[in-house]
Amino acid sequence: MEDRLVARMDEQNQNLEDRLVARMDEQNQKLRDELVTRMDEQNQKLRDDLTTRMDEQNQKLRDDLIARMDIKGRELENSILEEVDRVQEISTKHYNRLDMKIDNLTKVVNGIQMETGTIQLLVENVSDLQERVGKLEKIVYHTA
């Protein structure tokens, strides 16, 4: 009878142990499932947070880049305008000098034209006088 009692206790212990192991396996599986679910939720939350932060940082970088490009663009535009002004001043001075030289040349040409006209009149007068002197000489020499 003692053997049967021991056997029965062993059997009950085995059943109890099997139930405990089964229950512990269920609890472990449940804990694993909960842990996986929580980890998935945490991972998703981290991904969402990272995505939001990255989007914010990207937007901030874009805004900063655009602001810097605007500043550089204005600086470049100002530099170009300053250079255009400088070149325009040089061109205006050069143009004014050329204009003065052209005016002087025009005056010289007008003076030369006047002198040429005067010389032509003198040549005509001299030619006319020579012709008259020649006629007078003919008259004087023919009558003498």
N, C-alpha and C. Protein backbone atom coordinates (compact mmCIF):
# COMPACT_ATOMS: atom_id res chain seq x y z
N MET A 1 0.80 -1.15 0.00
CA MET A 1 0.00 0.00 0.00
C MET A 1 0.87 1.26 0.00
N GLU A 2 1.89 1.19 0.66
CA GLU A 2 2.80 2.31 0.68
C GLU A 2 3.30 2.59 -0.73
N ASP A 3 3.57 1.56 -1.48
CA ASP A 3 4.06 1.75 -2.85
C ASP A 3 2.99 2.41 -3.69
N ARG A 4 1.75 1.99 -3.46
CA ARG A 4 0.69 2.60 -4.25
C ARG A 4 0.53 4.05 -3.86
N LEU A 5 0.70 4.32 -2.63
CA LEU A 5 0.59 5.69 -2.15
C LEU A 5 1.69 6.54 -2.76
N VAL A 6 2.87 5.97 -2.75
CA VAL A 6 4.03 6.69 -3.31
C VAL A 6 3.80 6.87 -4.81
N ALA A 7 3.28 5.82 -5.45
CA ALA A 7 3.05 5.90 -6.89
C ALA A 7 1.99 6.94 -7.18
N ARG A 8 0.97 6.94 -6.33
CA ARG A 8 -0.11 7.90 -6.53
C ARG A 8 0.39 9.31 -6.27
N MET A 9 1.20 9.51 -5.28
CA MET A 9 1.76 10.82 -4.99
C MET A 9 2.70 11.24 -6.11
N ASP A 10 3.44 10.27 -6.63
CA ASP A 10 4.32 10.58 -7.76
C ASP A 10 3.50 11.01 -8.96
N GLU A 11 2.39 10.30 -9.16
CA GLU A 11 1.52 10.63 -10.28
C GLU A 11 0.91 12.01 -10.10
N GLN A 12 0.46 12.29 -8.88
CA GLN A 12 -0.12 13.61 -8.60
C GLN A 12 0.95 14.69 -8.71
N ASN A 13 2.12 14.37 -8.21
CA ASN A 13 3.23 15.33 -8.35
C ASN A 13 3.52 15.59 -9.84
N GLN A 14 3.51 14.50 -10.60
CA GLN A 14 3.78 14.65 -12.04
C GLN A 14 2.68 15.48 -12.69
N ASN A 15 1.41 15.20 -12.35
CA ASN A 15 0.30 15.97 -12.90
C ASN A 15 0.41 17.43 -12.49
N LEU A 16 0.71 17.64 -11.22
CA LEU A 16 0.87 19.00 -10.71
C LEU A 16 2.02 19.71 -11.43
N GLU A 17 3.11 18.97 -11.57
CA GLU A 17 4.28 19.53 -12.25
C GLU A 17 3.93 19.84 -13.70
N ASP A 18 3.20 18.94 -14.39
CA ASP A 18 2.82 19.16 -15.79
C ASP A 18 1.91 20.39 -15.91
N ARG A 19 0.98 20.50 -14.97
CA ARG A 19 0.08 21.66 -15.00
C ARG A 19 0.84 22.95 -14.73
N LEU A 20 1.76 22.89 -13.77
CA LEU A 20 2.58 24.08 -13.47
C LEU A 20 3.43 24.47 -14.68
N VAL A 21 4.03 23.47 -15.31
CA VAL A 21 4.87 23.75 -16.48
C VAL A 21 4.00 24.33 -17.59
N ALA A 22 2.79 23.73 -17.79
CA ALA A 22 1.90 24.22 -18.83
C ALA A 22 1.47 25.66 -18.52
N ARG A 23 1.14 25.89 -17.26
CA ARG A 23 0.70 27.22 -16.86
C ARG A 23 1.86 28.22 -16.99
N MET A 24 3.05 27.82 -16.60
CA MET A 24 4.21 28.68 -16.72
C MET A 24 4.52 28.96 -18.20
N ASP A 25 4.35 27.93 -19.07
CA ASP A 25 4.55 28.13 -20.50
C ASP A 25 3.54 29.15 -21.04
N GLU A 26 2.27 29.01 -20.60
CA GLU A 26 1.23 29.97 -21.01
C GLU A 26 1.59 31.37 -20.55
N GLN A 27 1.97 31.46 -19.26
CA GLN A 27 2.34 32.77 -18.71
C GLN A 27 3.55 33.34 -19.45
N ASN A 28 4.55 32.49 -19.72
CA ASN A 28 5.74 32.95 -20.45
C ASN A 28 5.36 33.43 -21.86
N GLN A 29 4.48 32.65 -22.52
CA GLN A 29 4.05 33.04 -23.86
C GLN A 29 3.28 34.34 -23.81
N LYS A 30 2.41 34.47 -22.83
CA LYS A 30 1.63 35.68 -22.67
C LYS A 30 2.57 36.87 -22.42
N LEU A 31 3.54 36.66 -21.52
CA LEU A 31 4.51 37.72 -21.25
C LEU A 31 5.32 38.06 -22.51
N ARG A 32 5.74 37.04 -23.26
CA ARG A 32 6.48 37.27 -24.51
C ARG A 32 5.63 38.08 -25.49
N ASP A 33 4.35 37.67 -25.63
CA ASP A 33 3.45 38.37 -26.56
C ASP A 33 3.27 39.83 -26.12
N GLU A 34 3.06 40.04 -24.81
CA GLU A 34 2.91 41.40 -24.30
C GLU A 34 4.19 42.20 -24.52
N LEU A 35 5.32 41.56 -24.27
CA LEU A 35 6.61 42.22 -24.44
C LEU A 35 6.83 42.59 -25.91
N VAL A 36 6.52 41.65 -26.80
CA VAL A 36 6.67 41.92 -28.23
C VAL A 36 5.75 43.06 -28.64
N THR A 37 4.51 43.03 -28.16
CA THR A 37 3.55 44.09 -28.48
C THR A 37 4.05 45.43 -27.97
N ARG A 38 4.48 45.47 -26.71
CA ARG A 38 5.00 46.72 -26.13
C ARG A 38 6.24 47.21 -26.89
N MET A 39 7.11 46.25 -27.22
CA MET A 39 8.33 46.64 -27.96
C MET A 39 7.96 47.17 -29.34
N ASP A 40 6.99 46.52 -30.00
CA ASP A 40 6.54 47.01 -31.30
C ASP A 40 5.94 48.41 -31.17
N GLU A 41 5.13 48.60 -30.13
CA GLU A 41 4.54 49.92 -29.90
C GLU A 41 5.63 50.96 -29.63
N GLN A 42 6.60 50.60 -28.78
CA GLN A 42 7.69 51.51 -28.46
C GLN A 42 8.54 51.81 -29.70
N ASN A 43 8.81 50.76 -30.48
CA ASN A 43 9.57 50.95 -31.72
C ASN A 43 8.83 51.89 -32.68
N GLN A 44 7.51 51.67 -32.81
CA GLN A 44 6.72 52.53 -33.69
C GLN A 44 6.71 53.96 -33.17
N LYS A 45 6.56 54.10 -31.86
CA LYS A 45 6.57 55.44 -31.27
C LYS A 45 7.93 56.11 -31.51
N LEU A 46 9.02 55.35 -31.31
CA LEU A 46 10.35 55.89 -31.57
C LEU A 46 10.52 56.28 -33.04
N ARG A 47 10.04 55.41 -33.94
CA ARG A 47 10.11 55.72 -35.38
C ARG A 47 9.34 57.00 -35.69
N ASP A 48 8.13 57.09 -35.12
CA ASP A 48 7.31 58.29 -35.35
C ASP A 48 8.01 59.53 -34.80
N ASP A 49 8.54 59.42 -33.57
CA ASP A 49 9.25 60.55 -32.97
C ASP A 49 10.47 60.94 -33.81
N LEU A 50 11.24 59.94 -34.23
CA LEU A 50 12.43 60.21 -35.05
C LEU A 50 12.03 60.84 -36.38
N THR A 51 10.97 60.30 -36.97
CA THR A 51 10.50 60.86 -38.25
C THR A 51 10.08 62.31 -38.08
N THR A 52 9.34 62.59 -37.00
CA THR A 52 8.91 63.96 -36.73
C THR A 52 10.10 64.87 -36.50
N ARG A 53 11.05 64.42 -35.68
CA ARG A 53 12.24 65.23 -35.41
C ARG A 53 13.06 65.45 -36.68
N MET A 54 13.20 64.39 -37.46
CA MET A 54 13.97 64.52 -38.71
C MET A 54 13.27 65.49 -39.66
N ASP A 55 11.93 65.38 -39.74
CA ASP A 55 11.19 66.30 -40.60
C ASP A 55 11.37 67.74 -40.12
N GLU A 56 11.30 67.94 -38.80
CA GLU A 56 11.49 69.29 -38.25
C GLU A 56 12.90 69.80 -38.53
N GLN A 57 13.89 68.91 -38.34
CA GLN A 57 15.28 69.31 -38.60
C GLN A 57 15.49 69.61 -40.08
N ASN A 58 14.91 68.75 -40.94
CA ASN A 58 15.03 68.99 -42.38
C ASN A 58 14.39 70.32 -42.77
N GLN A 59 13.23 70.60 -42.21
CA GLN A 59 12.55 71.87 -42.51
C GLN A 59 13.39 73.04 -42.02
N LYS A 60 13.94 72.91 -40.83
CA LYS A 60 14.78 73.98 -40.27
C LYS A 60 16.02 74.18 -41.15
N LEU A 61 16.64 73.06 -41.58
CA LEU A 61 17.80 73.15 -42.46
C LEU A 61 17.44 73.81 -43.79
N ARG A 62 16.28 73.42 -44.35
CA ARG A 62 15.83 74.04 -45.59
C ARG A 62 15.63 75.53 -45.41
N ASP A 63 14.95 75.91 -44.31
CA ASP A 63 14.71 77.33 -44.05
C ASP A 63 16.02 78.08 -43.88
N ASP A 64 16.96 77.49 -43.12
CA ASP A 64 18.27 78.13 -42.93
C ASP A 64 19.00 78.26 -44.25
N LEU A 65 18.95 77.21 -45.05
CA LEU A 65 19.64 77.22 -46.34
C LEU A 65 19.03 78.29 -47.26
N ILE A 66 17.72 78.36 -47.28
CA ILE A 66 17.05 79.37 -48.10
C ILE A 66 17.42 80.77 -47.62
N ALA A 67 17.43 80.96 -46.30
CA ALA A 67 17.80 82.27 -45.76
C ALA A 67 19.24 82.62 -46.13
N ARG A 68 20.13 81.67 -46.01
CA ARG A 68 21.54 81.92 -46.37
C ARG A 68 21.67 82.20 -47.86
N MET A 69 20.93 81.43 -48.67
CA MET A 69 20.98 81.65 -50.11
C MET A 69 20.44 83.04 -50.46
N ASP A 70 19.38 83.47 -49.76
CA ASP A 70 18.85 84.81 -49.99
C ASP A 70 19.90 85.86 -49.66
N ILE A 71 20.57 85.67 -48.52
CA ILE A 71 21.61 86.62 -48.12
C ILE A 71 22.74 86.64 -49.14
N LYS A 72 23.21 85.45 -49.52
CA LYS A 72 24.30 85.36 -50.51
C LYS A 72 23.84 85.94 -51.84
N GLY A 73 22.60 85.69 -52.21
CA GLY A 73 22.06 86.24 -53.46
C GLY A 73 22.04 87.76 -53.43
N ARG A 74 21.60 88.33 -52.30
CA ARG A 74 21.59 89.79 -52.18
C ARG A 74 23.02 90.34 -52.19
N GLU A 75 23.94 89.64 -51.51
CA GLU A 75 25.33 90.08 -51.51
C GLU A 75 25.90 90.04 -52.92
N LEU A 76 25.60 88.98 -53.65
CA LEU A 76 26.08 88.85 -55.03
C LEU A 76 25.46 89.94 -55.90
N GLU A 77 24.17 90.16 -55.72
CA GLU A 77 23.48 91.20 -56.50
C GLU A 77 24.10 92.57 -56.21
N ASN A 78 24.37 92.86 -54.93
CA ASN A 78 24.99 94.13 -54.57
C ASN A 78 26.37 94.25 -55.18
N SER A 79 27.14 93.17 -55.15
CA SER A 79 28.48 93.19 -55.75
C SER A 79 28.39 93.46 -57.25
N ILE A 80 27.45 92.79 -57.90
CA ILE A 80 27.28 92.99 -59.34
C ILE A 80 26.87 94.43 -59.64
N LEU A 81 25.93 94.95 -58.85
CA LEU A 81 25.48 96.33 -59.07
C LEU A 81 26.62 97.32 -58.82
N GLU A 82 27.42 97.07 -57.79
CA GLU A 82 28.57 97.94 -57.53
C GLU A 82 29.54 97.90 -58.71
N GLU A 83 29.79 96.71 -59.24
CA GLU A 83 30.70 96.58 -60.38
C GLU A 83 30.13 97.26 -61.61
N VAL A 84 28.82 97.11 -61.82
CA VAL A 84 28.17 97.78 -62.95
C VAL A 84 28.30 99.29 -62.79
N ASP A 85 28.08 99.81 -61.56
CA ASP A 85 28.24 101.24 -61.31
C ASP A 85 29.66 101.68 -61.60
N ARG A 86 30.63 100.91 -61.15
CA ARG A 86 32.04 101.25 -61.36
C ARG A 86 32.36 101.30 -62.84
N VAL A 87 31.91 100.26 -63.56
CA VAL A 87 32.17 100.21 -65.00
C VAL A 87 31.45 101.37 -65.71
N GLN A 88 30.24 101.67 -65.24
CA GLN A 88 29.48 102.77 -65.85
C GLN A 88 30.19 104.10 -65.62
N GLU A 89 30.73 104.31 -64.42
CA GLU A 89 31.47 105.54 -64.13
C GLU A 89 32.69 105.65 -65.04
N ILE A 90 33.42 104.54 -65.17
CA ILE A 90 34.60 104.54 -66.04
C ILE A 90 34.18 104.82 -67.48
N SER A 91 33.11 104.17 -67.93
CA SER A 91 32.62 104.37 -69.30
C SER A 91 32.17 105.80 -69.51
N THR A 92 31.50 106.38 -68.53
CA THR A 92 31.03 107.77 -68.65
C THR A 92 32.22 108.71 -68.74
N LYS A 93 33.24 108.51 -67.90
CA LYS A 93 34.44 109.34 -67.97
C LYS A 93 35.10 109.20 -69.34
N HIS A 94 35.22 107.96 -69.80
CA HIS A 94 35.83 107.70 -71.09
C HIS A 94 35.01 108.37 -72.20
N TYR A 95 33.70 108.23 -72.13
CA TYR A 95 32.81 108.84 -73.12
C TYR A 95 32.98 110.36 -73.10
N ASN A 96 33.02 110.95 -71.91
CA ASN A 96 33.18 112.41 -71.79
C ASN A 96 34.50 112.86 -72.41
N ARG A 97 35.58 112.10 -72.15
CA ARG A 97 36.87 112.45 -72.76
C ARG A 97 36.80 112.36 -74.27
N LEU A 98 36.18 111.27 -74.77
CA LEU A 98 36.04 111.13 -76.21
C LEU A 98 35.18 112.25 -76.79
N ASP A 99 34.12 112.60 -76.08
CA ASP A 99 33.24 113.68 -76.54
C ASP A 99 34.01 114.99 -76.63
N MET A 100 34.84 115.27 -75.61
CA MET A 100 35.66 116.49 -75.63
C MET A 100 36.63 116.45 -76.80
N LYS A 101 37.27 115.30 -77.04
CA LYS A 101 38.22 115.17 -78.15
C LYS A 101 37.50 115.37 -79.48
N ILE A 102 36.30 114.79 -79.60
CA ILE A 102 35.53 114.96 -80.84
C ILE A 102 35.17 116.43 -81.03
N ASP A 103 34.75 117.10 -79.93
CA ASP A 103 34.44 118.54 -80.02
C ASP A 103 35.67 119.31 -80.48
N ASN A 104 36.83 119.00 -79.89
CA ASN A 104 38.07 119.69 -80.28
C ASN A 104 38.40 119.41 -81.74
N LEU A 105 38.27 118.14 -82.15
CA LEU A 105 38.53 117.80 -83.55
C LEU A 105 37.55 118.52 -84.48
N THR A 106 36.28 118.60 -84.05
CA THR A 106 35.28 119.32 -84.86
C THR A 106 35.69 120.77 -85.02
N LYS A 107 36.15 121.39 -83.91
CA LYS A 107 36.60 122.78 -83.98
C LYS A 107 37.79 122.91 -84.92
N VAL A 108 38.73 121.98 -84.82
CA VAL A 108 39.91 122.02 -85.69
C VAL A 108 39.49 121.87 -87.14
N VAL A 109 38.60 120.89 -87.41
CA VAL A 109 38.13 120.67 -88.78
C VAL A 109 37.42 121.91 -89.30
N ASN A 110 36.55 122.50 -88.45
CA ASN A 110 35.85 123.72 -88.87
C ASN A 110 36.86 124.83 -89.15
N GLY A 111 37.88 124.93 -88.29
CA GLY A 111 38.92 125.95 -88.51
C GLY A 111 39.66 125.69 -89.81
N ILE A 112 40.00 124.44 -90.06
CA ILE A 112 40.70 124.08 -91.29
C ILE A 112 39.82 124.39 -92.50
N GLN A 113 38.52 124.06 -92.38
CA GLN A 113 37.60 124.34 -93.49
C GLN A 113 37.51 125.84 -93.75
N MET A 114 37.48 126.62 -92.66
CA MET A 114 37.44 128.08 -92.83
C MET A 114 38.74 128.56 -93.47
N GLU A 115 39.85 128.01 -92.98
CA GLU A 115 41.14 128.40 -93.56
C GLU A 115 41.22 127.99 -95.02
N THR A 116 40.70 126.80 -95.32
CA THR A 116 40.71 126.32 -96.70
C THR A 116 39.87 127.24 -97.57
N GLY A 117 38.70 127.63 -97.04
CA GLY A 117 37.84 128.56 -97.78
C GLY A 117 38.54 129.89 -97.99
N THR A 118 39.21 130.37 -96.94
CA THR A 118 39.93 131.63 -97.04
C THR A 118 41.07 131.51 -98.05
N ILE A 119 41.80 130.41 -97.97
CA ILE A 119 42.92 130.19 -98.90
C ILE A 119 42.38 130.11 -100.32
N GLN A 120 41.24 129.45 -100.50
CA GLN A 120 40.67 129.33 -101.83
C GLN A 120 40.29 130.71 -102.37
N LEU A 121 39.71 131.54 -101.50
CA LEU A 121 39.36 132.90 -101.91
C LEU A 121 40.62 133.68 -102.29
N LEU A 122 41.66 133.50 -101.46
CA LEU A 122 42.91 134.18 -101.75
C LEU A 122 43.50 133.71 -103.07
N VAL A 123 43.45 132.39 -103.29
CA VAL A 123 43.97 131.84 -104.54
C VAL A 123 43.18 132.39 -105.71
N GLU A 124 41.85 132.45 -105.56
CA GLU A 124 41.01 133.00 -106.63
C GLU A 124 41.34 134.47 -106.86
N ASN A 125 41.50 135.21 -105.73
CA ASN A 125 41.84 136.63 -105.85
C ASN A 125 43.19 136.80 -106.52
N VAL A 126 44.17 135.98 -106.09
CA VAL A 126 45.50 136.07 -106.69
C VAL A 126 45.41 135.72 -108.16
N SER A 127 44.66 134.68 -108.48
CA SER A 127 44.52 134.25 -109.86
C SER A 127 43.86 135.36 -110.68
N ASP A 128 42.81 135.95 -110.09
CA ASP A 128 42.11 137.04 -110.76
C ASP A 128 43.04 138.23 -110.96
N LEU A 129 43.82 138.52 -109.91
CA LEU A 129 44.76 139.64 -109.99
C LEU A 129 45.84 139.36 -111.03
N GLN A 130 46.30 138.11 -111.06
CA GLN A 130 47.33 137.77 -112.04
C GLN A 130 46.76 137.94 -113.46
N GLU A 131 45.53 137.54 -113.61
CA GLU A 131 44.90 137.67 -114.92
C GLU A 131 44.77 139.14 -115.31
N ARG A 132 44.36 139.94 -114.33
CA ARG A 132 44.20 141.37 -114.59
C ARG A 132 45.55 142.03 -114.86
N VAL A 133 46.56 141.61 -114.02
CA VAL A 133 47.90 142.17 -114.23
C VAL A 133 48.39 141.76 -115.62
N GLY A 134 48.09 140.53 -115.97
CA GLY A 134 48.51 140.06 -117.30
C GLY A 134 47.86 140.88 -118.40
N LYS A 135 46.59 141.20 -118.26
CA LYS A 135 45.89 141.99 -119.26
C LYS A 135 46.48 143.40 -119.30
N LEU A 136 46.74 143.92 -118.06
CA LEU A 136 47.30 145.27 -117.99
C LEU A 136 48.70 145.28 -118.62
N GLU A 137 49.47 144.27 -118.38
CA GLU A 137 50.81 144.21 -118.95
C GLU A 137 50.72 144.17 -120.48
N LYS A 138 49.77 143.44 -120.98
CA LYS A 138 49.60 143.38 -122.44
C LYS A 138 49.25 144.76 -122.99
N ILE A 139 48.39 145.41 -122.25
CA ILE A 139 47.97 146.72 -122.70
C ILE A 139 49.16 147.67 -122.60
N VAL A 140 49.87 147.63 -121.50
CA VAL A 140 50.98 148.54 -121.28
C VAL A 140 52.09 148.20 -122.27
N TYR A 141 52.43 147.02 -122.50
CA TYR A 141 53.51 146.65 -123.39
C TYR A 141 53.12 146.84 -124.85
N HIS A 142 51.89 146.72 -125.16
CA HIS A 142 51.45 146.90 -126.55
C HIS A 142 51.34 148.38 -126.89
N THR A 143 51.08 149.16 -125.95
CA THR A 143 50.96 150.59 -126.22
C THR A 143 52.35 151.25 -126.10
N ALA A 144 53.22 150.69 -125.51
CA ALA A 144 54.50 151.34 -125.31
C ALA A 144 55.42 151.11 -126.45
